[in-house]
Amino acid sequence: MRAACEAIGRDPQELVCAHAITVCCGSSPAELQRRAQNIGRSVEDLGSQGAAGTPDELCHRLADYRDVGASRSYLQVIYLDDLDDVALIPAEVMPKLAA
């Protein structure tokens, strides 16, 4: 994408690069396992096809995308009835990525 921009004389920095990823977060391994089971997936499956882990583990996974140029992350939370998890991500993951 960057090379295509340069080829036509467009500044690649003008682009907004984003990605979408399914997430599952738990403050402990047991909580993460429970949340994964609640949606019928394994932690391993969620981790390989999305991002699953503790807040620190999610930070590392999402930082990988930031490090290759993504400036936006669209996070898909599959289980909207677990509001503690929905609150955990903005409280403990996003501030670390913004720093």
PDB file of N, CA and C in Angstrom:
ATOM      1  N   MET A   1       0.817  -1.164   0.000  1.00  0.00           N
ATOM      2  CA  MET A   1       0.000   0.000   0.000  1.00  0.00           C
ATOM      3  C   MET A   1       0.875   1.248   0.000  1.00  0.00           C
ATOM      4  N   ARG A   2       1.899   1.219   0.846  1.00  0.00           N
ATOM      5  CA  ARG A   2       2.809   2.367   0.885  1.00  0.00           C
ATOM      6  C   ARG A   2       3.516   2.554  -0.455  1.00  0.00           C
ATOM      7  N   ALA A   3       3.948   1.457  -1.051  1.00  0.00           N
ATOM      8  CA  ALA A   3       4.636   1.535  -2.337  1.00  0.00           C
ATOM      9  C   ALA A   3       3.701   2.065  -3.421  1.00  0.00           C
ATOM     10  N   ALA A   4       2.435   1.658  -3.381  1.00  0.00           N
ATOM     11  CA  ALA A   4       1.467   2.141  -4.368  1.00  0.00           C
ATOM     12  C   ALA A   4       1.261   3.642  -4.221  1.00  0.00           C
ATOM     13  N   CYS A   5       1.208   4.138  -3.002  1.00  0.00           N
ATOM     14  CA  CYS A   5       1.082   5.579  -2.769  1.00  0.00           C
ATOM     15  C   CYS A   5       2.292   6.321  -3.331  1.00  0.00           C
ATOM     16  N   GLU A   6       3.451   5.809  -3.022  1.00  0.00           N
ATOM     17  CA  GLU A   6       4.680   6.457  -3.495  1.00  0.00           C
ATOM     18  C   GLU A   6       4.755   6.447  -5.019  1.00  0.00           C
ATOM     19  N   ALA A   7       4.247   5.383  -5.630  1.00  0.00           N
ATOM     20  CA  ALA A   7       4.290   5.276  -7.086  1.00  0.00           C
ATOM     21  C   ALA A   7       3.444   6.341  -7.772  1.00  0.00           C
ATOM     22  N   ILE A   8       2.391   6.801  -7.097  1.00  0.00           N
ATOM     23  CA  ILE A   8       1.530   7.830  -7.701  1.00  0.00           C
ATOM     24  C   ILE A   8       1.776   9.211  -7.095  1.00  0.00           C
ATOM     25  N   GLY A   9       2.809   9.308  -6.244  1.00  0.00           N
ATOM     26  CA  GLY A   9       3.158  10.598  -5.671  1.00  0.00           C
ATOM     27  C   GLY A   9       2.318  11.020  -4.481  1.00  0.00           C
ATOM     28  N   ARG A  10       1.661  10.079  -3.845  1.00  0.00           N
ATOM     29  CA  ARG A  10       0.856  10.379  -2.655  1.00  0.00           C
ATOM     30  C   ARG A  10       1.651  10.022  -1.417  1.00  0.00           C
ATOM     31  N   ASP A  11       1.564  10.863  -0.415  1.00  0.00           N
ATOM     32  CA  ASP A  11       2.260  10.627   0.842  1.00  0.00           C
ATOM     33  C   ASP A  11       1.574   9.478   1.590  1.00  0.00           C
ATOM     34  N   PRO A  12       2.260   8.378   1.834  1.00  0.00           N
ATOM     35  CA  PRO A  12       1.647   7.251   2.547  1.00  0.00           C
ATOM     36  C   PRO A  12       1.212   7.610   3.966  1.00  0.00           C
ATOM     37  N   GLN A  13       1.791   8.648   4.535  1.00  0.00           N
ATOM     38  CA  GLN A  13       1.414   9.071   5.893  1.00  0.00           C
ATOM     39  C   GLN A  13       0.007   9.655   5.943  1.00  0.00           C
ATOM     40  N   GLU A  14      -0.563  10.002   4.795  1.00  0.00           N
ATOM     41  CA  GLU A  14      -1.930  10.521   4.749  1.00  0.00           C
ATOM     42  C   GLU A  14      -2.965   9.430   4.983  1.00  0.00           C
ATOM     43  N   LEU A  15      -2.582   8.184   4.777  1.00  0.00           N
ATOM     44  CA  LEU A  15      -3.511   7.065   4.914  1.00  0.00           C
ATOM     45  C   LEU A  15      -3.801   6.761   6.374  1.00  0.00           C
ATOM     46  N   VAL A  16      -5.014   6.355   6.626  1.00  0.00           N
ATOM     47  CA  VAL A  16      -5.385   5.837   7.936  1.00  0.00           C
ATOM     48  C   VAL A  16      -5.450   4.321   7.788  1.00  0.00           C
ATOM     49  N   CYS A  17      -4.557   3.639   8.467  1.00  0.00           N
ATOM     50  CA  CYS A  17      -4.506   2.181   8.392  1.00  0.00           C
ATOM     51  C   CYS A  17      -5.205   1.608   9.627  1.00  0.00           C
ATOM     52  N   ALA A  18      -6.103   0.675   9.381  1.00  0.00           N
ATOM     53  CA  ALA A  18      -6.880   0.094  10.467  1.00  0.00           C
ATOM     54  C   ALA A  18      -6.957  -1.420  10.296  1.00  0.00           C
ATOM     55  N   HIS A  19      -7.348  -2.083  11.363  1.00  0.00           N
ATOM     56  CA  HIS A  19      -7.592  -3.522  11.314  1.00  0.00           C
ATOM     57  C   HIS A  19      -8.737  -3.838  12.255  1.00  0.00           C
ATOM     58  N   ALA A  20      -9.359  -4.958  12.052  1.00  0.00           N
ATOM     59  CA  ALA A  20     -10.424  -5.436  12.928  1.00  0.00           C
ATOM     60  C   ALA A  20     -10.000  -6.786  13.482  1.00  0.00           C
ATOM     61  N   ILE A  21     -10.291  -6.995  14.751  1.00  0.00           N
ATOM     62  CA  ILE A  21      -9.857  -8.228  15.399  1.00  0.00           C
ATOM     63  C   ILE A  21     -10.839  -8.604  16.509  1.00  0.00           C
ATOM     64  N   THR A  22     -11.129  -9.879  16.606  1.00  0.00           N
ATOM     65  CA  THR A  22     -11.956 -10.386  17.696  1.00  0.00           C
ATOM     66  C   THR A  22     -11.101 -10.467  18.949  1.00  0.00           C
ATOM     67  N   VAL A  23     -11.643  -9.998  20.080  1.00  0.00           N
ATOM     68  CA  VAL A  23     -10.885 -10.004  21.326  1.00  0.00           C
ATOM     69  C   VAL A  23     -11.636 -10.733  22.429  1.00  0.00           C
ATOM     70  N   CYS A  24     -10.855 -11.279  23.339  1.00  0.00           N
ATOM     71  CA  CYS A  24     -11.362 -11.899  24.556  1.00  0.00           C
ATOM     72  C   CYS A  24     -10.332 -11.601  25.630  1.00  0.00           C
ATOM     73  N   CYS A  25     -10.754 -10.935  26.689  1.00  0.00           N
ATOM     74  CA  CYS A  25      -9.814 -10.488  27.705  1.00  0.00           C
ATOM     75  C   CYS A  25     -10.274 -10.932  29.082  1.00  0.00           C
ATOM     76  N   GLY A  26      -9.318 -11.306  29.917  1.00  0.00           N
ATOM     77  CA  GLY A  26      -9.610 -11.661  31.301  1.00  0.00           C
ATOM     78  C   GLY A  26      -8.493 -11.169  32.193  1.00  0.00           C
ATOM     79  N   SER A  27      -8.830 -10.755  33.382  1.00  0.00           N
ATOM     80  CA  SER A  27      -7.803 -10.247  34.292  1.00  0.00           C
ATOM     81  C   SER A  27      -6.931 -11.363  34.849  1.00  0.00           C
ATOM     82  N   SER A  28      -7.356 -12.602  34.665  1.00  0.00           N
ATOM     83  CA  SER A  28      -6.560 -13.765  35.082  1.00  0.00           C
ATOM     84  C   SER A  28      -6.757 -14.871  34.049  1.00  0.00           C
ATOM     85  N   PRO A  29      -5.872 -15.861  34.029  1.00  0.00           N
ATOM     86  CA  PRO A  29      -6.066 -16.980  33.097  1.00  0.00           C
ATOM     87  C   PRO A  29      -7.395 -17.698  33.307  1.00  0.00           C
ATOM     88  N   ALA A  30      -7.828 -17.847  34.553  1.00  0.00           N
ATOM     89  CA  ALA A  30      -9.100 -18.529  34.821  1.00  0.00           C
ATOM     90  C   ALA A  30     -10.278 -17.721  34.278  1.00  0.00           C
ATOM     91  N   GLU A  31     -10.229 -16.412  34.447  1.00  0.00           N
ATOM     92  CA  GLU A  31     -11.303 -15.557  33.932  1.00  0.00           C
ATOM     93  C   GLU A  31     -11.327 -15.593  32.404  1.00  0.00           C
ATOM     94  N   LEU A  32     -10.168 -15.564  31.800  1.00  0.00           N
ATOM     95  CA  LEU A  32     -10.065 -15.648  30.344  1.00  0.00           C
ATOM     96  C   LEU A  32     -10.652 -16.965  29.854  1.00  0.00           C
ATOM     97  N   GLN A  33     -10.300 -18.057  30.499  1.00  0.00           N
ATOM     98  CA  GLN A  33     -10.815 -19.381  30.124  1.00  0.00           C
ATOM     99  C   GLN A  33     -12.337 -19.417  30.235  1.00  0.00           C
ATOM    100  N   ARG A  34     -12.881 -18.862  31.299  1.00  0.00           N
ATOM    101  CA  ARG A  34     -14.336 -18.840  31.498  1.00  0.00           C
ATOM    102  C   ARG A  34     -15.016 -18.048  30.388  1.00  0.00           C
ATOM    103  N   ARG A  35     -14.442 -16.902  30.037  1.00  0.00           N
ATOM    104  CA  ARG A  35     -15.040 -16.075  28.985  1.00  0.00           C
ATOM    105  C   ARG A  35     -14.984 -16.780  27.629  1.00  0.00           C
ATOM    106  N   ALA A  36     -13.882 -17.417  27.339  1.00  0.00           N
ATOM    107  CA  ALA A  36     -13.772 -18.153  26.075  1.00  0.00           C
ATOM    108  C   ALA A  36     -14.801 -19.281  26.028  1.00  0.00           C
ATOM    109  N   GLN A  37     -14.948 -20.003  27.118  1.00  0.00           N
ATOM    110  CA  GLN A  37     -15.928 -21.091  27.167  1.00  0.00           C
ATOM    111  C   GLN A  37     -17.348 -20.565  26.993  1.00  0.00           C
ATOM    112  N   ASN A  38     -17.626 -19.382  27.543  1.00  0.00           N
ATOM    113  CA  ASN A  38     -18.962 -18.798  27.432  1.00  0.00           C
ATOM    114  C   ASN A  38     -19.368 -18.521  25.983  1.00  0.00           C
ATOM    115  N   ILE A  39     -18.390 -18.333  25.120  1.00  0.00           N
ATOM    116  CA  ILE A  39     -18.724 -18.095  23.711  1.00  0.00           C
ATOM    117  C   ILE A  39     -18.431 -19.321  22.847  1.00  0.00           C
ATOM    118  N   GLY A  40     -18.098 -20.431  23.493  1.00  0.00           N
ATOM    119  CA  GLY A  40     -17.906 -21.680  22.775  1.00  0.00           C
ATOM    120  C   GLY A  40     -16.613 -21.764  21.986  1.00  0.00           C
ATOM    121  N   ARG A  41     -15.577 -21.063  22.440  1.00  0.00           N
ATOM    122  CA  ARG A  41     -14.288 -21.091  21.747  1.00  0.00           C
ATOM    123  C   ARG A  41     -13.196 -21.408  22.766  1.00  0.00           C
ATOM    124  N   SER A  42     -12.081 -21.864  22.276  1.00  0.00           N
ATOM    125  CA  SER A  42     -10.942 -22.086  23.164  1.00  0.00           C
ATOM    126  C   SER A  42     -10.078 -20.829  23.181  1.00  0.00           C
ATOM    127  N   VAL A  43      -9.327 -20.657  24.230  1.00  0.00           N
ATOM    128  CA  VAL A  43      -8.406 -19.526  24.325  1.00  0.00           C
ATOM    129  C   VAL A  43      -7.386 -19.600  23.183  1.00  0.00           C
ATOM    130  N   GLU A  44      -6.925 -20.805  22.894  1.00  0.00           N
ATOM    131  CA  GLU A  44      -5.938 -20.989  21.828  1.00  0.00           C
ATOM    132  C   GLU A  44      -6.497 -20.563  20.477  1.00  0.00           C
ATOM    133  N   ASP A  45      -7.732 -20.946  20.204  1.00  0.00           N
ATOM    134  CA  ASP A  45      -8.380 -20.573  18.949  1.00  0.00           C
ATOM    135  C   ASP A  45      -8.536 -19.056  18.855  1.00  0.00           C
ATOM    136  N   LEU A  46      -9.010 -18.452  19.917  1.00  0.00           N
ATOM    137  CA  LEU A  46      -9.181 -17.000  19.931  1.00  0.00           C
ATOM    138  C   LEU A  46      -7.842 -16.288  19.792  1.00  0.00           C
ATOM    139  N   GLY A  47      -6.822 -16.830  20.411  1.00  0.00           N
ATOM    140  CA  GLY A  47      -5.506 -16.216  20.335  1.00  0.00           C
ATOM    141  C   GLY A  47      -4.866 -16.322  18.965  1.00  0.00           C
ATOM    142  N   SER A  48      -5.125 -17.417  18.260  1.00  0.00           N
ATOM    143  CA  SER A  48      -4.508 -17.585  16.951  1.00  0.00           C
ATOM    144  C   SER A  48      -5.265 -16.840  15.853  1.00  0.00           C
ATOM    145  N   GLN A  49      -6.556 -16.663  16.027  1.00  0.00           N
ATOM    146  CA  GLN A  49      -7.365 -16.005  15.006  1.00  0.00           C
ATOM    147  C   GLN A  49      -7.771 -14.593  15.395  1.00  0.00           C
ATOM    148  N   GLY A  50      -7.451 -14.201  16.600  1.00  0.00           N
ATOM    149  CA  GLY A  50      -7.814 -12.883  17.097  1.00  0.00           C
ATOM    150  C   GLY A  50      -6.812 -12.459  18.147  1.00  0.00           C
ATOM    151  N   ALA A  51      -7.326 -11.949  19.246  1.00  0.00           N
ATOM    152  CA  ALA A  51      -6.472 -11.558  20.365  1.00  0.00           C
ATOM    153  C   ALA A  51      -7.154 -12.013  21.643  1.00  0.00           C
ATOM    154  N   ALA A  52      -6.467 -12.824  22.409  1.00  0.00           N
ATOM    155  CA  ALA A  52      -7.024 -13.324  23.658  1.00  0.00           C
ATOM    156  C   ALA A  52      -5.930 -13.331  24.710  1.00  0.00           C
ATOM    157  N   GLY A  53      -6.283 -12.896  25.900  1.00  0.00           N
ATOM    158  CA  GLY A  53      -5.316 -12.923  26.982  1.00  0.00           C
ATOM    159  C   GLY A  53      -5.647 -11.941  28.074  1.00  0.00           C
ATOM    160  N   THR A  54      -4.688 -11.756  28.935  1.00  0.00           N
ATOM    161  CA  THR A  54      -4.806 -10.753  29.989  1.00  0.00           C
ATOM    162  C   THR A  54      -4.642  -9.375  29.353  1.00  0.00           C
ATOM    163  N   PRO A  55      -4.925  -8.313  30.084  1.00  0.00           N
ATOM    164  CA  PRO A  55      -4.722  -6.977  29.499  1.00  0.00           C
ATOM    165  C   PRO A  55      -3.308  -6.781  28.939  1.00  0.00           C
ATOM    166  N   ASP A  56      -2.291  -7.228  29.650  1.00  0.00           N
ATOM    167  CA  ASP A  56      -0.925  -7.076  29.135  1.00  0.00           C
ATOM    168  C   ASP A  56      -0.713  -7.873  27.845  1.00  0.00           C
ATOM    169  N   GLU A  57      -1.261  -9.075  27.790  1.00  0.00           N
ATOM    170  CA  GLU A  57      -1.121  -9.893  26.581  1.00  0.00           C
ATOM    171  C   GLU A  57      -1.856  -9.261  25.403  1.00  0.00           C
ATOM    172  N   LEU A  58      -3.034  -8.707  25.657  1.00  0.00           N
ATOM    173  CA  LEU A  58      -3.760  -8.019  24.597  1.00  0.00           C
ATOM    174  C   LEU A  58      -2.990  -6.797  24.118  1.00  0.00           C
ATOM    175  N   CYS A  59      -2.367  -6.085  25.038  1.00  0.00           N
ATOM    176  CA  CYS A  59      -1.556  -4.915  24.665  1.00  0.00           C
ATOM    177  C   CYS A  59      -0.444  -5.317  23.700  1.00  0.00           C
ATOM    178  N   HIS A  60       0.230  -6.404  23.998  1.00  0.00           N
ATOM    179  CA  HIS A  60       1.320  -6.861  23.129  1.00  0.00           C
ATOM    180  C   HIS A  60       0.794  -7.245  21.748  1.00  0.00           C
ATOM    181  N   ARG A  61      -0.335  -7.935  21.713  1.00  0.00           N
ATOM    182  CA  ARG A  61      -0.909  -8.369  20.428  1.00  0.00           C
ATOM    183  C   ARG A  61      -1.337  -7.169  19.592  1.00  0.00           C
ATOM    184  N   LEU A  62      -2.019  -6.215  20.220  1.00  0.00           N
ATOM    185  CA  LEU A  62      -2.478  -5.035  19.488  1.00  0.00           C
ATOM    186  C   LEU A  62      -1.310  -4.126  19.102  1.00  0.00           C
ATOM    187  N   ALA A  63      -0.281  -4.091  19.914  1.00  0.00           N
ATOM    188  CA  ALA A  63       0.900  -3.291  19.591  1.00  0.00           C
ATOM    189  C   ALA A  63       1.590  -3.813  18.338  1.00  0.00           C
ATOM    190  N   ASP A  64       1.484  -5.124  18.085  1.00  0.00           N
ATOM    191  CA  ASP A  64       2.054  -5.683  16.850  1.00  0.00           C
ATOM    192  C   ASP A  64       1.439  -5.012  15.625  1.00  0.00           C
ATOM    193  N   TYR A  65       0.137  -4.782  15.664  1.00  0.00           N
ATOM    194  CA  TYR A  65      -0.540  -4.118  14.550  1.00  0.00           C
ATOM    195  C   TYR A  65      -0.130  -2.645  14.467  1.00  0.00           C
ATOM    196  N   ARG A  66      -0.044  -1.995  15.612  1.00  0.00           N
ATOM    197  CA  ARG A  66       0.399  -0.598  15.640  1.00  0.00           C
ATOM    198  C   ARG A  66       1.807  -0.480  15.059  1.00  0.00           C
ATOM    199  N   ASP A  67       2.664  -1.427  15.415  1.00  0.00           N
ATOM    200  CA  ASP A  67       4.058  -1.366  14.982  1.00  0.00           C
ATOM    201  C   ASP A  67       4.234  -1.536  13.467  1.00  0.00           C
ATOM    202  N   VAL A  68       3.254  -2.138  12.801  1.00  0.00           N
ATOM    203  CA  VAL A  68       3.339  -2.253  11.342  1.00  0.00           C
ATOM    204  C   VAL A  68       2.497  -1.200  10.637  1.00  0.00           C
ATOM    205  N   GLY A  69       1.980  -0.227  11.409  1.00  0.00           N
ATOM    206  CA  GLY A  69       1.342   0.919  10.782  1.00  0.00           C
ATOM    207  C   GLY A  69      -0.128   1.139  11.031  1.00  0.00           C
ATOM    208  N   ALA A  70      -0.790   0.251  11.754  1.00  0.00           N
ATOM    209  CA  ALA A  70      -2.214   0.468  12.032  1.00  0.00           C
ATOM    210  C   ALA A  70      -2.369   1.566  13.079  1.00  0.00           C
ATOM    211  N   SER A  71      -3.188   2.550  12.754  1.00  0.00           N
ATOM    212  CA  SER A  71      -3.440   3.617  13.712  1.00  0.00           C
ATOM    213  C   SER A  71      -4.808   3.471  14.369  1.00  0.00           C
ATOM    214  N   ARG A  72      -5.592   2.507  13.913  1.00  0.00           N
ATOM    215  CA  ARG A  72      -6.900   2.225  14.505  1.00  0.00           C
ATOM    216  C   ARG A  72      -7.090   0.731  14.638  1.00  0.00           C
ATOM    217  N   SER A  73      -7.703   0.346  15.750  1.00  0.00           N
ATOM    218  CA  SER A  73      -8.051  -1.051  15.992  1.00  0.00           C
ATOM    219  C   SER A  73      -9.546  -1.126  16.248  1.00  0.00           C
ATOM    220  N   TYR A  74     -10.237  -1.906  15.466  1.00  0.00           N
ATOM    221  CA  TYR A  74     -11.656  -2.149  15.691  1.00  0.00           C
ATOM    222  C   TYR A  74     -11.761  -3.495  16.397  1.00  0.00           C
ATOM    223  N   LEU A  75     -12.210  -3.455  17.645  1.00  0.00           N
ATOM    224  CA  LEU A  75     -12.249  -4.659  18.466  1.00  0.00           C
ATOM    225  C   LEU A  75     -13.651  -5.242  18.475  1.00  0.00           C
ATOM    226  N   GLN A  76     -13.749  -6.510  18.133  1.00  0.00           N
ATOM    227  CA  GLN A  76     -15.026  -7.200  18.154  1.00  0.00           C
ATOM    228  C   GLN A  76     -15.107  -8.036  19.425  1.00  0.00           C
ATOM    229  N   VAL A  77     -16.064  -7.707  20.253  1.00  0.00           N
ATOM    230  CA  VAL A  77     -16.332  -8.475  21.465  1.00  0.00           C
ATOM    231  C   VAL A  77     -17.572  -9.299  21.173  1.00  0.00           C
ATOM    232  N   ILE A  78     -17.436 -10.609  21.225  1.00  0.00           N
ATOM    233  CA  ILE A  78     -18.521 -11.500  20.817  1.00  0.00           C
ATOM    234  C   ILE A  78     -19.624 -11.600  21.874  1.00  0.00           C
ATOM    235  N   TYR A  79     -19.300 -11.481  23.107  1.00  0.00           N
ATOM    236  CA  TYR A  79     -20.243 -11.742  24.191  1.00  0.00           C
ATOM    237  C   TYR A  79     -20.570 -10.431  24.906  1.00  0.00           C
ATOM    238  N   LEU A  80     -21.582  -9.757  24.460  1.00  0.00           N
ATOM    239  CA  LEU A  80     -21.930  -8.446  25.005  1.00  0.00           C
ATOM    240  C   LEU A  80     -22.649  -8.518  26.345  1.00  0.00           C
ATOM    241  N   ASP A  81     -22.952  -9.718  26.810  1.00  0.00           N
ATOM    242  CA  ASP A  81     -23.604  -9.823  28.110  1.00  0.00           C
ATOM    243  C   ASP A  81     -22.602  -9.836  29.262  1.00  0.00           C
ATOM    244  N   ASP A  82     -21.325  -9.850  28.976  1.00  0.00           N
ATOM    245  CA  ASP A  82     -20.282  -9.826  30.006  1.00  0.00           C
ATOM    246  C   ASP A  82     -19.696  -8.411  30.058  1.00  0.00           C
ATOM    247  N   LEU A  83     -20.384  -7.528  30.727  1.00  0.00           N
ATOM    248  CA  LEU A  83     -19.987  -6.119  30.731  1.00  0.00           C
ATOM    249  C   LEU A  83     -18.681  -5.872  31.477  1.00  0.00           C
ATOM    250  N   ASP A  84     -18.295  -6.780  32.376  1.00  0.00           N
ATOM    251  CA  ASP A  84     -17.004  -6.618  33.052  1.00  0.00           C
ATOM    252  C   ASP A  84     -15.858  -6.717  32.048  1.00  0.00           C
ATOM    253  N   ASP A  85     -15.979  -7.608  31.077  1.00  0.00           N
ATOM    254  CA  ASP A  85     -14.944  -7.722  30.050  1.00  0.00           C
ATOM    255  C   ASP A  85     -14.956  -6.498  29.144  1.00  0.00           C
ATOM    256  N   VAL A  86     -16.128  -6.057  28.781  1.00  0.00           N
ATOM    257  CA  VAL A  86     -16.232  -4.877  27.932  1.00  0.00           C
ATOM    258  C   VAL A  86     -15.583  -3.684  28.635  1.00  0.00           C
ATOM    259  N   ALA A  87     -15.717  -3.581  29.948  1.00  0.00           N
ATOM    260  CA  ALA A  87     -15.110  -2.486  30.711  1.00  0.00           C
ATOM    261  C   ALA A  87     -13.609  -2.685  30.913  1.00  0.00           C
ATOM    262  N   LEU A  88     -13.160  -3.920  30.965  1.00  0.00           N
ATOM    263  CA  LEU A  88     -11.744  -4.217  31.206  1.00  0.00           C
ATOM    264  C   LEU A  88     -10.852  -3.688  30.078  1.00  0.00           C
ATOM    265  N   ILE A  89     -11.313  -3.778  28.859  1.00  0.00           N
ATOM    266  CA  ILE A  89     -10.484  -3.369  27.723  1.00  0.00           C
ATOM    267  C   ILE A  89     -10.198  -1.867  27.742  1.00  0.00           C
ATOM    268  N   PRO A  90     -11.202  -0.990  27.837  1.00  0.00           N
ATOM    269  CA  PRO A  90     -10.859   0.437  27.875  1.00  0.00           C
ATOM    270  C   PRO A  90     -10.152   0.852  29.167  1.00  0.00           C
ATOM    271  N   ALA A  91     -10.399   0.135  30.250  1.00  0.00           N
ATOM    272  CA  ALA A  91      -9.776   0.506  31.523  1.00  0.00           C
ATOM    273  C   ALA A  91      -8.310   0.101  31.598  1.00  0.00           C
ATOM    274  N   GLU A  92      -7.972  -1.083  31.074  1.00  0.00           N
ATOM    275  CA  GLU A  92      -6.619  -1.602  31.284  1.00  0.00           C
ATOM    276  C   GLU A  92      -5.797  -1.846  30.017  1.00  0.00           C
ATOM    277  N   VAL A  93      -6.439  -1.887  28.873  1.00  0.00           N
ATOM    278  CA  VAL A  93      -5.689  -2.152  27.639  1.00  0.00           C
ATOM    279  C   VAL A  93      -5.424  -0.855  26.870  1.00  0.00           C
ATOM    280  N   MET A  94      -6.459  -0.123  26.576  1.00  0.00           N
ATOM    281  CA  MET A  94      -6.314   1.056  25.724  1.00  0.00           C
ATOM    282  C   MET A  94      -5.376   2.114  26.302  1.00  0.00           C
ATOM    283  N   PRO A  95      -5.406   2.413  27.611  1.00  0.00           N
ATOM    284  CA  PRO A  95      -4.462   3.427  28.118  1.00  0.00           C
ATOM    285  C   PRO A  95      -2.996   3.033  27.918  1.00  0.00           C
ATOM    286  N   LYS A  96      -2.701   1.755  27.993  1.00  0.00           N
ATOM    287  CA  LYS A  96      -1.313   1.297  27.808  1.00  0.00           C
ATOM    288  C   LYS A  96      -0.872   1.448  26.357  1.00  0.00           C
ATOM    289  N   LEU A  97      -1.800   1.303  25.430  1.00  0.00           N
ATOM    290  CA  LEU A  97      -1.457   1.437  24.020  1.00  0.00           C
ATOM    291  C   LEU A  97      -1.303   2.903  23.623  1.00  0.00           C
ATOM    292  N   ALA A  98      -2.002   3.762  24.314  1.00  0.00           N
ATOM    293  CA  ALA A  98      -1.935   5.194  24.005  1.00  0.00           C
ATOM    294  C   ALA A  98      -0.638   5.818  24.520  1.00  0.00           C
ATOM    295  N   ALA A  99      -0.003   5.166  25.487  1.00  0.00           N
ATOM    296  CA  ALA A  99       1.205   5.728  26.099  1.00  0.00           C
ATOM    297  C   ALA A  99       2.392   5.652  25.175  1.00  0.00           C
TER     298      ALA A  99
END
